[in-house]
N, C-alpha and C. Protein backbone atom coordinates (compact mmCIF):
# COMPACT_ATOMS: atom_id res chain seq x y z
N UNK A 1 -4.18 -15.23 1.20
CA UNK A 1 -4.98 -14.91 2.38
C UNK A 1 -4.14 -14.12 3.37
N UNK A 2 -2.88 -14.51 3.48
CA UNK A 2 -1.98 -13.82 4.42
C UNK A 2 -1.82 -12.35 4.03
N UNK A 3 -1.64 -12.11 2.71
CA UNK A 3 -1.51 -10.73 2.24
C UNK A 3 -2.79 -9.95 2.49
N UNK A 4 -3.94 -10.62 2.24
CA UNK A 4 -5.21 -9.94 2.45
C UNK A 4 -5.37 -9.53 3.91
N UNK A 5 -5.01 -10.41 4.82
CA UNK A 5 -5.08 -10.09 6.26
C UNK A 5 -4.15 -8.93 6.58
N UNK A 6 -2.95 -8.96 5.97
CA UNK A 6 -2.00 -7.87 6.22
C UNK A 6 -2.57 -6.56 5.68
N UNK A 7 -3.19 -6.60 4.50
CA UNK A 7 -3.78 -5.40 3.92
C UNK A 7 -4.86 -4.85 4.84
N UNK A 8 -5.70 -5.73 5.35
CA UNK A 8 -6.77 -5.29 6.25
C UNK A 8 -6.19 -4.63 7.50
N UNK A 9 -5.15 -5.23 8.06
CA UNK A 9 -4.52 -4.65 9.25
C UNK A 9 -3.93 -3.28 8.93
N UNK A 10 -3.27 -3.19 7.78
CA UNK A 10 -2.67 -1.91 7.37
C UNK A 10 -3.75 -0.86 7.19
N UNK A 11 -4.83 -1.23 6.47
CA UNK A 11 -5.90 -0.27 6.24
C UNK A 11 -6.57 0.16 7.54
N UNK A 12 -6.81 -0.79 8.43
CA UNK A 12 -7.45 -0.43 9.69
C UNK A 12 -6.53 0.41 10.57
N UNK A 13 -5.23 0.27 10.39
CA UNK A 13 -4.27 1.07 11.16
C UNK A 13 -4.06 2.44 10.51
N UNK A 14 -4.01 2.48 9.19
CA UNK A 14 -3.69 3.72 8.49
C UNK A 14 -4.87 4.67 8.39
N UNK A 15 -6.03 4.15 8.02
CA UNK A 15 -7.18 5.02 7.77
C UNK A 15 -7.53 5.87 8.99
N UNK A 16 -7.61 5.31 10.20
CA UNK A 16 -7.91 6.18 11.35
C UNK A 16 -6.85 7.26 11.57
N UNK A 17 -5.59 6.92 11.35
CA UNK A 17 -4.52 7.91 11.51
C UNK A 17 -4.66 9.00 10.46
N UNK A 18 -4.91 8.60 9.21
CA UNK A 18 -5.09 9.59 8.16
C UNK A 18 -6.31 10.47 8.45
N UNK A 19 -7.35 9.85 8.96
CA UNK A 19 -8.55 10.62 9.27
C UNK A 19 -8.28 11.64 10.37
N UNK A 20 -7.47 11.27 11.35
CA UNK A 20 -7.13 12.20 12.42
C UNK A 20 -6.29 13.35 11.90
N UNK A 21 -5.36 13.05 10.97
CA UNK A 21 -4.51 14.09 10.40
C UNK A 21 -5.31 15.03 9.52
N UNK A 22 -6.37 14.51 8.93
CA UNK A 22 -7.16 15.31 8.00
C UNK A 22 -8.17 16.15 8.76
N UNK A 23 -8.71 17.15 8.04
CA UNK A 23 -9.78 17.91 8.68
C UNK A 23 -11.00 17.02 8.83
N UNK A 24 -12.01 17.51 9.49
CA UNK A 24 -13.15 16.66 9.82
C UNK A 24 -13.77 15.96 8.61
N UNK A 25 -14.17 16.71 7.60
CA UNK A 25 -14.81 16.11 6.43
C UNK A 25 -14.33 16.81 5.17
N UNK A 26 -14.11 16.03 4.14
CA UNK A 26 -13.77 16.59 2.85
C UNK A 26 -15.02 16.60 1.99
N UNK A 27 -15.08 17.53 1.07
CA UNK A 27 -16.20 17.60 0.15
C UNK A 27 -15.89 16.77 -1.09
N UNK A 28 -16.91 16.49 -1.86
CA UNK A 28 -16.70 15.78 -3.12
C UNK A 28 -15.81 16.61 -4.05
N UNK A 29 -15.97 17.92 -4.02
CA UNK A 29 -15.12 18.78 -4.86
C UNK A 29 -13.65 18.66 -4.46
N UNK A 30 -13.38 18.57 -3.16
CA UNK A 30 -12.00 18.40 -2.70
C UNK A 30 -11.46 17.02 -3.12
N UNK A 31 -12.32 16.01 -3.05
CA UNK A 31 -11.93 14.68 -3.51
C UNK A 31 -11.56 14.71 -4.99
N UNK A 32 -12.41 15.31 -5.80
CA UNK A 32 -12.15 15.38 -7.24
C UNK A 32 -10.88 16.18 -7.53
N UNK A 33 -10.64 17.21 -6.76
CA UNK A 33 -9.41 18.00 -6.91
C UNK A 33 -8.18 17.14 -6.58
N UNK A 34 -8.28 16.34 -5.53
CA UNK A 34 -7.17 15.46 -5.16
C UNK A 34 -6.90 14.43 -6.25
N UNK A 35 -7.95 13.93 -6.89
CA UNK A 35 -7.78 12.98 -7.99
C UNK A 35 -7.03 13.66 -9.14
N UNK A 36 -7.39 14.91 -9.44
CA UNK A 36 -6.68 15.64 -10.51
C UNK A 36 -5.21 15.83 -10.16
N UNK A 37 -4.92 16.15 -8.91
CA UNK A 37 -3.53 16.32 -8.46
C UNK A 37 -2.78 15.01 -8.63
N UNK A 38 -3.38 13.91 -8.21
CA UNK A 38 -2.74 12.60 -8.31
C UNK A 38 -2.50 12.21 -9.77
N UNK A 39 -3.48 12.47 -10.63
CA UNK A 39 -3.32 12.16 -12.05
C UNK A 39 -2.20 12.99 -12.68
N UNK A 40 -2.09 14.23 -12.24
CA UNK A 40 -1.08 15.13 -12.83
C UNK A 40 0.34 14.76 -12.43
N UNK A 41 0.52 14.32 -11.20
CA UNK A 41 1.88 14.02 -10.71
C UNK A 41 1.81 12.94 -9.63
N UNK A 42 1.70 11.66 -10.03
CA UNK A 42 1.51 10.58 -9.06
C UNK A 42 2.65 10.38 -8.08
N UNK A 43 3.81 10.92 -8.37
CA UNK A 43 4.93 10.82 -7.42
C UNK A 43 5.46 12.20 -7.06
N UNK A 44 4.70 13.22 -7.38
CA UNK A 44 5.12 14.60 -7.11
C UNK A 44 4.98 14.98 -5.65
N UNK A 45 5.35 16.22 -5.34
CA UNK A 45 5.35 16.67 -3.95
C UNK A 45 3.96 16.72 -3.29
N UNK A 46 2.91 16.80 -4.09
CA UNK A 46 1.56 16.86 -3.53
C UNK A 46 0.85 15.51 -3.54
N UNK A 47 1.53 14.48 -4.04
CA UNK A 47 0.90 13.17 -4.20
C UNK A 47 0.49 12.54 -2.87
N UNK A 48 1.35 12.62 -1.87
CA UNK A 48 1.03 11.99 -0.58
C UNK A 48 -0.24 12.60 0.03
N UNK A 49 -0.32 13.92 0.02
CA UNK A 49 -1.51 14.58 0.57
C UNK A 49 -2.75 14.22 -0.25
N UNK A 50 -2.60 14.12 -1.57
CA UNK A 50 -3.73 13.74 -2.41
C UNK A 50 -4.18 12.32 -2.09
N UNK A 51 -3.22 11.41 -1.92
CA UNK A 51 -3.55 10.03 -1.56
C UNK A 51 -4.29 9.97 -0.24
N UNK A 52 -3.81 10.72 0.73
CA UNK A 52 -4.46 10.74 2.04
C UNK A 52 -5.90 11.22 1.93
N UNK A 53 -6.10 12.31 1.20
CA UNK A 53 -7.44 12.85 1.06
C UNK A 53 -8.35 11.84 0.36
N UNK A 54 -7.85 11.22 -0.70
CA UNK A 54 -8.66 10.24 -1.44
C UNK A 54 -9.05 9.08 -0.53
N UNK A 55 -8.09 8.51 0.19
CA UNK A 55 -8.38 7.36 1.05
C UNK A 55 -9.37 7.74 2.15
N UNK A 56 -9.18 8.88 2.76
CA UNK A 56 -10.11 9.32 3.81
C UNK A 56 -11.50 9.54 3.23
N UNK A 57 -11.57 10.22 2.08
CA UNK A 57 -12.88 10.54 1.51
C UNK A 57 -13.63 9.27 1.11
N UNK A 58 -12.97 8.33 0.41
CA UNK A 58 -13.70 7.13 -0.01
C UNK A 58 -14.08 6.26 1.18
N UNK A 59 -13.34 6.37 2.27
CA UNK A 59 -13.65 5.61 3.48
C UNK A 59 -14.84 6.21 4.21
N UNK A 60 -14.91 7.53 4.25
CA UNK A 60 -15.95 8.20 5.04
C UNK A 60 -17.20 8.57 4.26
N UNK A 61 -17.12 8.64 2.94
CA UNK A 61 -18.27 9.08 2.16
C UNK A 61 -19.39 8.05 2.19
N UNK A 62 -20.61 8.51 2.48
CA UNK A 62 -21.74 7.58 2.45
C UNK A 62 -22.22 7.32 1.02
N UNK A 63 -21.67 8.06 0.04
CA UNK A 63 -22.13 7.96 -1.34
C UNK A 63 -21.41 6.91 -2.17
N UNK A 64 -20.32 6.36 -1.65
CA UNK A 64 -19.56 5.37 -2.41
C UNK A 64 -19.15 4.21 -1.51
N UNK A 65 -18.91 3.08 -2.14
CA UNK A 65 -18.41 1.91 -1.41
C UNK A 65 -17.25 1.34 -2.22
N UNK A 66 -16.06 1.42 -1.67
CA UNK A 66 -14.86 0.95 -2.35
C UNK A 66 -14.39 -0.35 -1.72
N UNK A 67 -14.08 -1.32 -2.57
CA UNK A 67 -13.56 -2.59 -2.08
C UNK A 67 -12.21 -2.87 -2.71
N UNK A 68 -11.35 -3.51 -1.95
CA UNK A 68 -10.03 -3.92 -2.44
C UNK A 68 -9.97 -5.44 -2.38
N UNK A 69 -9.72 -6.06 -3.51
CA UNK A 69 -9.64 -7.52 -3.56
C UNK A 69 -8.22 -8.01 -3.69
N UNK A 70 -8.09 -9.32 -3.87
CA UNK A 70 -6.77 -9.96 -3.96
C UNK A 70 -5.88 -9.36 -5.04
N UNK A 71 -6.47 -9.01 -6.18
CA UNK A 71 -5.67 -8.50 -7.29
C UNK A 71 -4.99 -7.19 -6.93
N UNK A 72 -5.54 -6.45 -6.00
CA UNK A 72 -4.98 -5.16 -5.60
C UNK A 72 -3.98 -5.32 -4.46
N UNK A 73 -4.14 -6.34 -3.66
CA UNK A 73 -3.25 -6.56 -2.51
C UNK A 73 -1.79 -6.61 -2.94
N UNK A 74 -1.51 -7.25 -4.06
CA UNK A 74 -0.14 -7.39 -4.53
C UNK A 74 0.54 -6.07 -4.83
N UNK A 75 -0.23 -5.05 -5.13
CA UNK A 75 0.35 -3.73 -5.44
C UNK A 75 1.12 -3.21 -4.25
N UNK A 76 0.61 -3.47 -3.06
CA UNK A 76 1.22 -2.87 -1.88
C UNK A 76 2.08 -3.84 -1.10
N UNK A 77 2.73 -4.75 -1.81
CA UNK A 77 3.63 -5.69 -1.15
C UNK A 77 4.66 -4.96 -0.29
N UNK A 78 5.25 -3.94 -0.84
CA UNK A 78 6.25 -3.19 -0.06
C UNK A 78 5.57 -2.11 0.76
N UNK A 79 4.64 -1.41 0.17
CA UNK A 79 3.85 -0.42 0.88
C UNK A 79 4.60 0.78 1.40
N UNK A 80 5.83 0.97 0.94
CA UNK A 80 6.61 2.06 1.50
C UNK A 80 6.99 3.12 0.49
N UNK A 81 6.54 2.98 -0.76
CA UNK A 81 6.91 4.01 -1.71
C UNK A 81 5.68 4.74 -2.23
N UNK A 82 5.91 5.93 -2.73
CA UNK A 82 4.82 6.77 -3.19
C UNK A 82 4.09 6.14 -4.37
N UNK A 83 4.80 5.42 -5.22
CA UNK A 83 4.15 4.79 -6.36
C UNK A 83 3.04 3.86 -5.91
N UNK A 84 3.32 3.02 -4.94
CA UNK A 84 2.32 2.07 -4.46
C UNK A 84 1.14 2.78 -3.80
N UNK A 85 1.45 3.78 -3.00
CA UNK A 85 0.36 4.56 -2.37
C UNK A 85 -0.51 5.19 -3.45
N UNK A 86 0.12 5.75 -4.48
CA UNK A 86 -0.63 6.40 -5.55
C UNK A 86 -1.48 5.41 -6.33
N UNK A 87 -0.96 4.22 -6.58
CA UNK A 87 -1.70 3.22 -7.34
C UNK A 87 -2.94 2.74 -6.58
N UNK A 88 -2.81 2.51 -5.30
CA UNK A 88 -3.97 2.08 -4.50
C UNK A 88 -4.98 3.23 -4.39
N UNK A 89 -4.50 4.45 -4.21
CA UNK A 89 -5.40 5.60 -4.16
C UNK A 89 -6.11 5.77 -5.50
N UNK A 90 -5.40 5.56 -6.61
CA UNK A 90 -6.01 5.68 -7.93
C UNK A 90 -7.09 4.61 -8.12
N UNK A 91 -6.81 3.39 -7.67
CA UNK A 91 -7.81 2.32 -7.76
C UNK A 91 -9.07 2.71 -6.98
N UNK A 92 -8.88 3.21 -5.77
CA UNK A 92 -10.01 3.62 -4.94
C UNK A 92 -10.76 4.78 -5.58
N UNK A 93 -10.02 5.75 -6.09
CA UNK A 93 -10.63 6.92 -6.73
C UNK A 93 -11.42 6.51 -7.96
N UNK A 94 -10.87 5.60 -8.75
CA UNK A 94 -11.58 5.14 -9.95
C UNK A 94 -12.91 4.49 -9.62
N UNK A 95 -12.93 3.69 -8.56
CA UNK A 95 -14.19 3.08 -8.13
C UNK A 95 -15.19 4.14 -7.70
N UNK A 96 -14.71 5.09 -6.90
CA UNK A 96 -15.60 6.14 -6.39
C UNK A 96 -16.14 6.99 -7.53
N UNK A 97 -15.28 7.39 -8.45
CA UNK A 97 -15.72 8.21 -9.58
C UNK A 97 -16.75 7.48 -10.44
N UNK A 98 -16.56 6.19 -10.65
CA UNK A 98 -17.52 5.41 -11.43
C UNK A 98 -18.89 5.41 -10.75
N UNK A 99 -18.90 5.32 -9.45
CA UNK A 99 -20.17 5.33 -8.72
C UNK A 99 -20.81 6.71 -8.76
N UNK A 100 -20.01 7.75 -8.58
CA UNK A 100 -20.55 9.10 -8.56
C UNK A 100 -21.01 9.57 -9.94
N UNK A 101 -20.23 9.25 -10.96
CA UNK A 101 -20.50 9.80 -12.29
C UNK A 101 -21.45 8.97 -13.13
N UNK A 102 -21.42 7.66 -12.97
CA UNK A 102 -22.19 6.79 -13.86
C UNK A 102 -23.47 6.26 -13.25
N UNK A 103 -23.54 6.27 -11.94
CA UNK A 103 -24.72 5.75 -11.24
C UNK A 103 -25.05 4.33 -11.71
N UNK A 104 -24.01 3.56 -12.03
CA UNK A 104 -24.19 2.17 -12.46
C UNK A 104 -24.30 1.28 -11.24
N UNK A 105 -24.74 0.06 -11.49
CA UNK A 105 -24.85 -0.92 -10.41
C UNK A 105 -23.63 -1.80 -10.28
N UNK A 106 -22.77 -1.79 -11.31
CA UNK A 106 -21.61 -2.68 -11.26
C UNK A 106 -20.48 -2.10 -12.11
N UNK A 107 -19.37 -2.82 -12.12
CA UNK A 107 -18.22 -2.40 -12.92
C UNK A 107 -17.31 -1.43 -12.21
N UNK A 108 -17.53 -1.26 -10.92
CA UNK A 108 -16.73 -0.28 -10.18
C UNK A 108 -15.28 -0.72 -10.04
N UNK A 109 -15.06 -2.00 -9.78
CA UNK A 109 -13.69 -2.49 -9.64
C UNK A 109 -12.95 -2.34 -10.96
N UNK A 110 -13.62 -2.61 -12.06
CA UNK A 110 -12.98 -2.46 -13.37
C UNK A 110 -12.61 -1.00 -13.61
N UNK A 111 -13.48 -0.08 -13.25
CA UNK A 111 -13.17 1.34 -13.40
C UNK A 111 -11.97 1.72 -12.54
N UNK A 112 -11.92 1.17 -11.33
CA UNK A 112 -10.77 1.42 -10.47
C UNK A 112 -9.50 0.86 -11.07
N UNK A 113 -9.60 -0.33 -11.65
CA UNK A 113 -8.44 -0.95 -12.30
C UNK A 113 -7.94 -0.12 -13.46
N UNK A 114 -8.86 0.40 -14.26
CA UNK A 114 -8.46 1.24 -15.40
C UNK A 114 -7.77 2.52 -14.92
N UNK A 115 -8.27 3.09 -13.85
CA UNK A 115 -7.64 4.29 -13.28
C UNK A 115 -6.23 3.97 -12.79
N UNK A 116 -6.08 2.85 -12.10
CA UNK A 116 -4.76 2.46 -11.60
C UNK A 116 -3.80 2.15 -12.75
N UNK A 117 -4.30 1.50 -13.80
CA UNK A 117 -3.45 1.19 -14.95
C UNK A 117 -3.00 2.46 -15.65
N UNK A 118 -3.90 3.42 -15.81
CA UNK A 118 -3.52 4.69 -16.44
C UNK A 118 -2.43 5.38 -15.63
N UNK A 119 -2.58 5.38 -14.32
CA UNK A 119 -1.57 6.00 -13.46
C UNK A 119 -0.26 5.22 -13.50
N UNK A 120 -0.35 3.91 -13.53
CA UNK A 120 0.85 3.07 -13.62
C UNK A 120 1.62 3.38 -14.91
N UNK A 121 0.90 3.49 -16.02
CA UNK A 121 1.56 3.82 -17.29
C UNK A 121 2.23 5.19 -17.23
N UNK A 122 1.58 6.12 -16.56
CA UNK A 122 2.16 7.46 -16.39
C UNK A 122 3.43 7.39 -15.54
N UNK A 123 3.39 6.65 -14.47
CA UNK A 123 4.57 6.49 -13.60
C UNK A 123 5.71 5.85 -14.40
N UNK A 124 5.38 4.82 -15.18
CA UNK A 124 6.41 4.12 -15.96
C UNK A 124 7.04 5.04 -17.02
N UNK A 125 6.26 5.98 -17.55
CA UNK A 125 6.84 6.92 -18.52
C UNK A 125 7.88 7.81 -17.86
N UNK A 126 7.59 8.25 -16.64
CA UNK A 126 8.55 9.14 -15.96
C UNK A 126 9.66 8.36 -15.26
N UNK A 127 9.41 7.09 -14.94
CA UNK A 127 10.41 6.26 -14.27
C UNK A 127 10.37 4.85 -14.88
N UNK A 128 11.02 4.66 -16.03
CA UNK A 128 10.96 3.37 -16.73
C UNK A 128 11.49 2.19 -15.91
N UNK A 129 12.29 2.45 -14.90
CA UNK A 129 12.83 1.37 -14.08
C UNK A 129 11.82 0.83 -13.06
N UNK A 130 10.76 1.59 -12.81
CA UNK A 130 9.78 1.15 -11.82
C UNK A 130 8.86 0.10 -12.44
N UNK A 131 8.73 -1.01 -11.75
CA UNK A 131 7.75 -2.02 -12.15
C UNK A 131 7.05 -2.55 -10.90
N UNK A 132 5.87 -3.03 -11.10
CA UNK A 132 5.10 -3.62 -10.02
C UNK A 132 4.44 -4.87 -10.59
N UNK A 133 4.84 -6.05 -10.13
CA UNK A 133 4.31 -7.29 -10.70
C UNK A 133 2.78 -7.39 -10.69
N UNK A 134 2.15 -6.92 -9.63
CA UNK A 134 0.69 -6.98 -9.57
C UNK A 134 0.07 -6.07 -10.62
N UNK A 135 0.66 -4.90 -10.82
CA UNK A 135 0.14 -3.99 -11.84
C UNK A 135 0.40 -4.56 -13.24
N UNK A 136 1.53 -5.20 -13.43
CA UNK A 136 1.81 -5.83 -14.73
C UNK A 136 0.75 -6.89 -15.02
N UNK A 137 0.32 -7.62 -14.00
CA UNK A 137 -0.74 -8.62 -14.18
C UNK A 137 -2.05 -7.96 -14.59
N UNK A 138 -2.36 -6.81 -13.99
CA UNK A 138 -3.58 -6.10 -14.36
C UNK A 138 -3.50 -5.56 -15.78
N UNK A 139 -2.34 -5.04 -16.17
CA UNK A 139 -2.15 -4.55 -17.54
C UNK A 139 -2.38 -5.69 -18.52
N UNK A 140 -1.84 -6.85 -18.23
CA UNK A 140 -2.00 -8.02 -19.10
C UNK A 140 -3.47 -8.46 -19.14
N UNK A 141 -4.13 -8.45 -18.00
CA UNK A 141 -5.55 -8.82 -17.95
C UNK A 141 -6.39 -7.86 -18.80
N UNK A 142 -6.05 -6.57 -18.75
CA UNK A 142 -6.77 -5.59 -19.56
C UNK A 142 -6.56 -5.87 -21.05
N UNK A 143 -5.33 -6.17 -21.44
CA UNK A 143 -5.03 -6.48 -22.84
C UNK A 143 -5.83 -7.69 -23.32
N UNK A 144 -6.05 -8.64 -22.43
CA UNK A 144 -6.78 -9.86 -22.77
C UNK A 144 -8.29 -9.71 -22.62
N UNK A 145 -8.74 -8.52 -22.19
CA UNK A 145 -10.17 -8.30 -21.99
C UNK A 145 -10.71 -8.99 -20.75
N UNK A 146 -9.85 -9.26 -19.78
CA UNK A 146 -10.24 -9.98 -18.57
C UNK A 146 -10.17 -9.13 -17.30
N UNK A 147 -9.99 -7.84 -17.43
CA UNK A 147 -9.78 -7.00 -16.25
C UNK A 147 -10.95 -7.09 -15.27
N UNK A 148 -12.16 -6.97 -15.78
CA UNK A 148 -13.33 -7.05 -14.90
C UNK A 148 -13.37 -8.40 -14.18
N UNK A 149 -13.14 -9.46 -14.92
CA UNK A 149 -13.15 -10.81 -14.34
C UNK A 149 -12.10 -10.94 -13.22
N UNK A 150 -10.91 -10.44 -13.47
CA UNK A 150 -9.82 -10.55 -12.49
C UNK A 150 -10.13 -9.73 -11.24
N UNK A 151 -10.65 -8.53 -11.42
CA UNK A 151 -10.87 -7.64 -10.28
C UNK A 151 -12.14 -7.94 -9.51
N UNK A 152 -13.13 -8.49 -10.15
CA UNK A 152 -14.40 -8.72 -9.47
C UNK A 152 -14.56 -10.15 -8.98
N UNK A 153 -13.49 -10.93 -9.02
CA UNK A 153 -13.51 -12.27 -8.46
C UNK A 153 -13.68 -12.16 -6.96
N UNK A 154 -14.52 -12.95 -6.40
CA UNK A 154 -14.84 -12.86 -4.97
C UNK A 154 -13.89 -13.65 -4.09
N UNK A 155 -12.77 -14.14 -4.63
CA UNK A 155 -11.81 -14.93 -3.83
C UNK A 155 -11.17 -14.09 -2.77
């Protein structure tokens, strides 16, 4: 609960600042472009700007609703490195893309989790020393077929 409260405070503090730094409104095409940039180089020189655009867009878009639960809070324990920013942005982007592309009623958190796991695996390939315990838990949940259950728990 303490981490969740901290996450909420961080998000409420960061999102308005990011929104002020960003132009007034981003288009869906710009959002999708930022997702491609993040997928291509999650720790590259353009990753921070891509993360900012993704977070601002999913926060402001009336077409998607992104939620972050307990399973995602652990990713940002440190919150100071590009890997963690990229993983949370990937989770948010995955949820948004599932809503935009599939027009489904559920499974958005699972789609976000799969996006974050794919990005985590990519980061680990380029930096084998990087690990994130919360992401390792999600990878294990996916292997066990429990990813949706873990991410969509209402705790």
